């Protein structure tokens, strides 16, 4: 989804990185993921829906051929809101 909005993410797998897990625990007080830290604003959050909404908001005004044409439909005929297709 971040690619659709031209947002660069630095993804870190805390299950394979003890230092990153320690940093996550220090910042969030928990080990739950996903956890987003916007290094430009200092904002951080846990909830997936909040993260998705935030990324959508940050990507406002940016359109990609994928999102500009029509929403993608997943099996069962429902539009996937969480992964943007």
N, C-alpha and C. Protein backbone atom coordinates (compact mmCIF):
# COMPACT_ATOMS: atom_id res chain seq x y z
N UNK A 1 0.81 -1.19 0.00
CA UNK A 1 0.00 0.00 0.00
C UNK A 1 0.86 1.26 0.00
N UNK A 2 1.93 1.28 0.73
CA UNK A 2 2.76 2.48 0.80
C UNK A 2 3.27 2.88 -0.57
N UNK A 3 3.54 1.90 -1.43
CA UNK A 3 4.00 2.21 -2.78
C UNK A 3 2.94 2.97 -3.56
N UNK A 4 1.66 2.66 -3.31
CA UNK A 4 0.57 3.35 -3.99
C UNK A 4 0.58 4.84 -3.68
N UNK A 5 1.06 5.20 -2.52
CA UNK A 5 1.06 6.60 -2.10
C UNK A 5 2.45 7.22 -2.15
N UNK A 6 3.41 6.48 -2.72
CA UNK A 6 4.77 6.98 -2.83
C UNK A 6 5.35 7.33 -1.46
N UNK A 7 5.12 6.43 -0.50
CA UNK A 7 5.65 6.59 0.85
C UNK A 7 6.69 5.51 1.06
N UNK A 8 7.86 5.89 1.54
CA UNK A 8 8.92 4.93 1.79
C UNK A 8 8.83 4.42 3.22
N UNK A 9 8.83 3.10 3.38
CA UNK A 9 8.80 2.49 4.71
C UNK A 9 10.07 1.69 4.94
N UNK A 10 10.58 1.78 6.13
CA UNK A 10 11.72 0.96 6.54
C UNK A 10 11.15 -0.14 7.44
N UNK A 11 10.92 -1.33 6.88
CA UNK A 11 10.31 -2.42 7.62
C UNK A 11 11.38 -3.19 8.39
N UNK A 12 11.09 -3.46 9.66
CA UNK A 12 12.03 -4.18 10.51
C UNK A 12 11.31 -5.38 11.11
N UNK A 13 11.89 -6.55 10.95
CA UNK A 13 11.33 -7.78 11.52
C UNK A 13 11.92 -7.97 12.91
N UNK A 14 11.13 -7.66 13.94
CA UNK A 14 11.64 -7.75 15.31
C UNK A 14 11.84 -9.18 15.78
N UNK A 15 11.26 -10.15 15.06
CA UNK A 15 11.44 -11.54 15.46
C UNK A 15 12.85 -12.02 15.14
N UNK A 16 13.56 -11.29 14.30
CA UNK A 16 14.92 -11.67 13.92
C UNK A 16 15.97 -10.65 14.34
N UNK A 17 15.56 -9.69 15.18
CA UNK A 17 16.47 -8.60 15.52
C UNK A 17 16.22 -8.21 16.98
N UNK A 18 17.05 -8.71 17.89
CA UNK A 18 16.87 -8.44 19.32
C UNK A 18 16.96 -6.96 19.65
N UNK A 19 17.84 -6.25 18.98
CA UNK A 19 18.00 -4.81 19.22
C UNK A 19 16.72 -4.07 18.83
N UNK A 20 16.13 -4.45 17.71
CA UNK A 20 14.88 -3.81 17.26
C UNK A 20 13.74 -4.15 18.20
N UNK A 21 13.70 -5.38 18.72
CA UNK A 21 12.67 -5.76 19.68
C UNK A 21 12.79 -4.96 20.96
N UNK A 22 14.00 -4.75 21.42
CA UNK A 22 14.24 -3.93 22.61
C UNK A 22 13.79 -2.49 22.37
N UNK A 23 14.09 -1.96 21.20
CA UNK A 23 13.68 -0.59 20.85
C UNK A 23 12.15 -0.49 20.76
N UNK A 24 11.51 -1.49 20.16
CA UNK A 24 10.04 -1.51 20.07
C UNK A 24 9.43 -1.49 21.47
N UNK A 25 9.94 -2.33 22.36
CA UNK A 25 9.42 -2.39 23.72
C UNK A 25 9.62 -1.06 24.44
N UNK A 26 10.76 -0.43 24.24
CA UNK A 26 11.03 0.86 24.88
C UNK A 26 10.09 1.95 24.36
N UNK A 27 9.82 1.94 23.05
CA UNK A 27 8.97 2.98 22.46
C UNK A 27 7.49 2.76 22.71
N UNK A 28 7.07 1.49 22.70
CA UNK A 28 5.64 1.23 22.75
C UNK A 28 5.16 0.62 24.06
N UNK A 29 6.10 0.10 24.85
CA UNK A 29 5.71 -0.55 26.09
C UNK A 29 5.14 -1.94 25.85
N UNK A 30 5.29 -2.45 24.64
CA UNK A 30 4.73 -3.75 24.27
C UNK A 30 5.57 -4.33 23.14
N UNK A 31 5.28 -5.58 22.79
CA UNK A 31 5.99 -6.21 21.68
C UNK A 31 5.07 -6.47 20.50
N UNK A 32 3.84 -5.91 20.55
CA UNK A 32 2.88 -6.12 19.47
C UNK A 32 3.32 -5.38 18.21
N UNK A 33 3.06 -6.03 17.09
CA UNK A 33 3.28 -5.41 15.79
C UNK A 33 2.01 -5.57 14.98
N UNK A 34 1.73 -4.74 14.01
CA UNK A 34 2.62 -3.71 13.50
C UNK A 34 2.69 -2.51 14.45
N UNK A 35 3.78 -1.79 14.35
CA UNK A 35 4.00 -0.56 15.09
C UNK A 35 4.66 0.42 14.14
N UNK A 36 4.06 1.57 13.98
CA UNK A 36 4.56 2.57 13.05
C UNK A 36 5.21 3.72 13.81
N UNK A 37 6.38 4.12 13.35
CA UNK A 37 7.05 5.31 13.87
C UNK A 37 7.33 6.20 12.67
N UNK A 38 6.75 7.40 12.68
CA UNK A 38 7.06 8.38 11.65
C UNK A 38 8.24 9.20 12.16
N UNK A 39 9.40 8.97 11.60
CA UNK A 39 10.61 9.63 12.10
C UNK A 39 10.63 11.13 11.82
N UNK A 40 9.81 11.57 10.87
CA UNK A 40 9.75 13.01 10.57
C UNK A 40 8.92 13.78 11.59
N UNK A 41 7.86 13.14 12.10
CA UNK A 41 6.96 13.83 13.03
C UNK A 41 7.09 13.33 14.46
N UNK A 42 7.71 12.15 14.64
CA UNK A 42 7.81 11.55 15.97
C UNK A 42 6.56 10.79 16.38
N UNK A 43 5.55 10.77 15.52
CA UNK A 43 4.30 10.07 15.81
C UNK A 43 4.53 8.57 15.78
N UNK A 44 3.89 7.85 16.72
CA UNK A 44 3.96 6.40 16.71
C UNK A 44 2.60 5.82 17.05
N UNK A 45 2.31 4.62 16.51
CA UNK A 45 1.00 4.01 16.75
C UNK A 45 1.05 2.51 16.52
N UNK A 46 0.11 1.80 17.18
CA UNK A 46 0.02 0.35 17.11
C UNK A 46 -1.08 -0.15 16.18
N UNK A 47 -2.25 0.38 16.27
CA UNK A 47 -3.43 -0.20 15.62
C UNK A 47 -3.32 -0.19 14.10
N UNK A 48 -3.56 -1.37 13.49
CA UNK A 48 -3.45 -1.50 12.03
C UNK A 48 -4.33 -0.51 11.29
N UNK A 49 -5.59 -0.37 11.71
CA UNK A 49 -6.49 0.56 11.02
C UNK A 49 -6.01 1.99 11.14
N UNK A 50 -5.48 2.36 12.31
CA UNK A 50 -4.94 3.71 12.49
C UNK A 50 -3.73 3.93 11.58
N UNK A 51 -2.89 2.91 11.48
CA UNK A 51 -1.71 3.00 10.61
C UNK A 51 -2.13 3.18 9.16
N UNK A 52 -3.10 2.39 8.72
CA UNK A 52 -3.58 2.50 7.34
C UNK A 52 -4.17 3.87 7.08
N UNK A 53 -5.01 4.35 8.00
CA UNK A 53 -5.60 5.69 7.84
C UNK A 53 -4.52 6.76 7.79
N UNK A 54 -3.51 6.64 8.64
CA UNK A 54 -2.43 7.61 8.67
C UNK A 54 -1.65 7.61 7.36
N UNK A 55 -1.33 6.42 6.85
CA UNK A 55 -0.61 6.34 5.58
C UNK A 55 -1.44 6.91 4.44
N UNK A 56 -2.73 6.64 4.45
CA UNK A 56 -3.62 7.24 3.43
C UNK A 56 -3.56 8.75 3.52
N UNK A 57 -3.63 9.29 4.72
CA UNK A 57 -3.61 10.74 4.92
C UNK A 57 -2.28 11.34 4.45
N UNK A 58 -1.18 10.67 4.74
CA UNK A 58 0.14 11.16 4.33
C UNK A 58 0.30 11.12 2.82
N UNK A 59 -0.39 10.20 2.16
CA UNK A 59 -0.28 10.06 0.72
C UNK A 59 -1.31 10.84 -0.06
N UNK A 60 -2.08 11.70 0.60
CA UNK A 60 -3.10 12.49 -0.09
C UNK A 60 -2.52 13.26 -1.25
N UNK A 61 -3.25 13.26 -2.34
CA UNK A 61 -2.82 14.00 -3.51
C UNK A 61 -1.95 13.19 -4.44
N UNK A 62 -1.53 12.01 -3.99
CA UNK A 62 -0.71 11.14 -4.83
C UNK A 62 -1.61 10.05 -5.36
N UNK A 63 -1.64 9.91 -6.66
CA UNK A 63 -2.44 8.84 -7.24
C UNK A 63 -1.53 7.92 -8.02
N UNK A 64 -1.88 6.68 -8.03
CA UNK A 64 -1.13 5.71 -8.81
C UNK A 64 -2.09 5.08 -9.80
N UNK A 65 -1.58 4.45 -10.83
CA UNK A 65 -2.47 3.79 -11.77
C UNK A 65 -3.33 2.73 -11.09
N UNK A 66 -2.82 2.11 -10.04
CA UNK A 66 -3.57 1.06 -9.34
C UNK A 66 -4.78 1.65 -8.63
N UNK A 67 -4.59 2.72 -7.86
CA UNK A 67 -5.70 3.28 -7.10
C UNK A 67 -6.56 4.23 -7.91
N UNK A 68 -6.01 4.80 -8.96
CA UNK A 68 -6.77 5.78 -9.72
C UNK A 68 -7.84 5.12 -10.59
N UNK A 69 -7.60 3.92 -11.07
CA UNK A 69 -8.54 3.28 -11.97
C UNK A 69 -9.79 2.78 -11.25
N UNK A 70 -9.62 1.84 -10.34
CA UNK A 70 -10.74 1.28 -9.59
C UNK A 70 -10.20 0.43 -8.46
N UNK A 71 -10.99 0.21 -7.43
CA UNK A 71 -10.51 -0.64 -6.34
C UNK A 71 -10.41 -2.08 -6.81
N UNK A 72 -9.46 -2.81 -6.25
CA UNK A 72 -9.34 -4.22 -6.57
C UNK A 72 -10.34 -4.99 -5.73
N UNK A 73 -10.79 -6.10 -6.27
CA UNK A 73 -11.77 -6.92 -5.57
C UNK A 73 -11.11 -8.26 -5.25
N UNK A 74 -11.24 -8.69 -4.01
CA UNK A 74 -10.68 -9.96 -3.57
C UNK A 74 -11.73 -11.06 -3.70
N UNK A 75 -11.32 -12.29 -3.50
CA UNK A 75 -12.22 -13.44 -3.58
C UNK A 75 -13.42 -13.20 -2.68
N UNK A 76 -14.58 -13.49 -3.17
CA UNK A 76 -15.81 -13.28 -2.42
C UNK A 76 -16.49 -11.99 -2.83
N UNK A 77 -15.84 -11.23 -3.70
CA UNK A 77 -16.45 -10.02 -4.21
C UNK A 77 -16.33 -8.79 -3.33
N UNK A 78 -15.63 -8.88 -2.20
CA UNK A 78 -15.53 -7.72 -1.32
C UNK A 78 -14.28 -6.91 -1.65
N UNK A 79 -14.39 -5.61 -1.55
CA UNK A 79 -13.25 -4.73 -1.76
C UNK A 79 -12.40 -4.74 -0.51
N UNK A 80 -11.11 -4.95 -0.66
CA UNK A 80 -10.21 -5.02 0.49
C UNK A 80 -9.86 -3.59 0.92
N UNK A 81 -10.31 -3.21 2.08
CA UNK A 81 -10.02 -1.87 2.60
C UNK A 81 -8.65 -1.84 3.29
N UNK A 82 -8.25 -2.95 3.88
CA UNK A 82 -7.06 -2.92 4.71
C UNK A 82 -5.76 -2.92 3.93
N UNK A 83 -5.72 -3.59 2.79
CA UNK A 83 -4.43 -3.68 2.10
C UNK A 83 -4.44 -2.89 0.79
N UNK A 84 -5.49 -2.16 0.53
CA UNK A 84 -5.58 -1.34 -0.67
C UNK A 84 -5.44 -2.18 -1.94
N UNK A 85 -5.92 -3.41 -1.91
CA UNK A 85 -5.95 -4.21 -3.11
C UNK A 85 -5.00 -5.34 -3.10
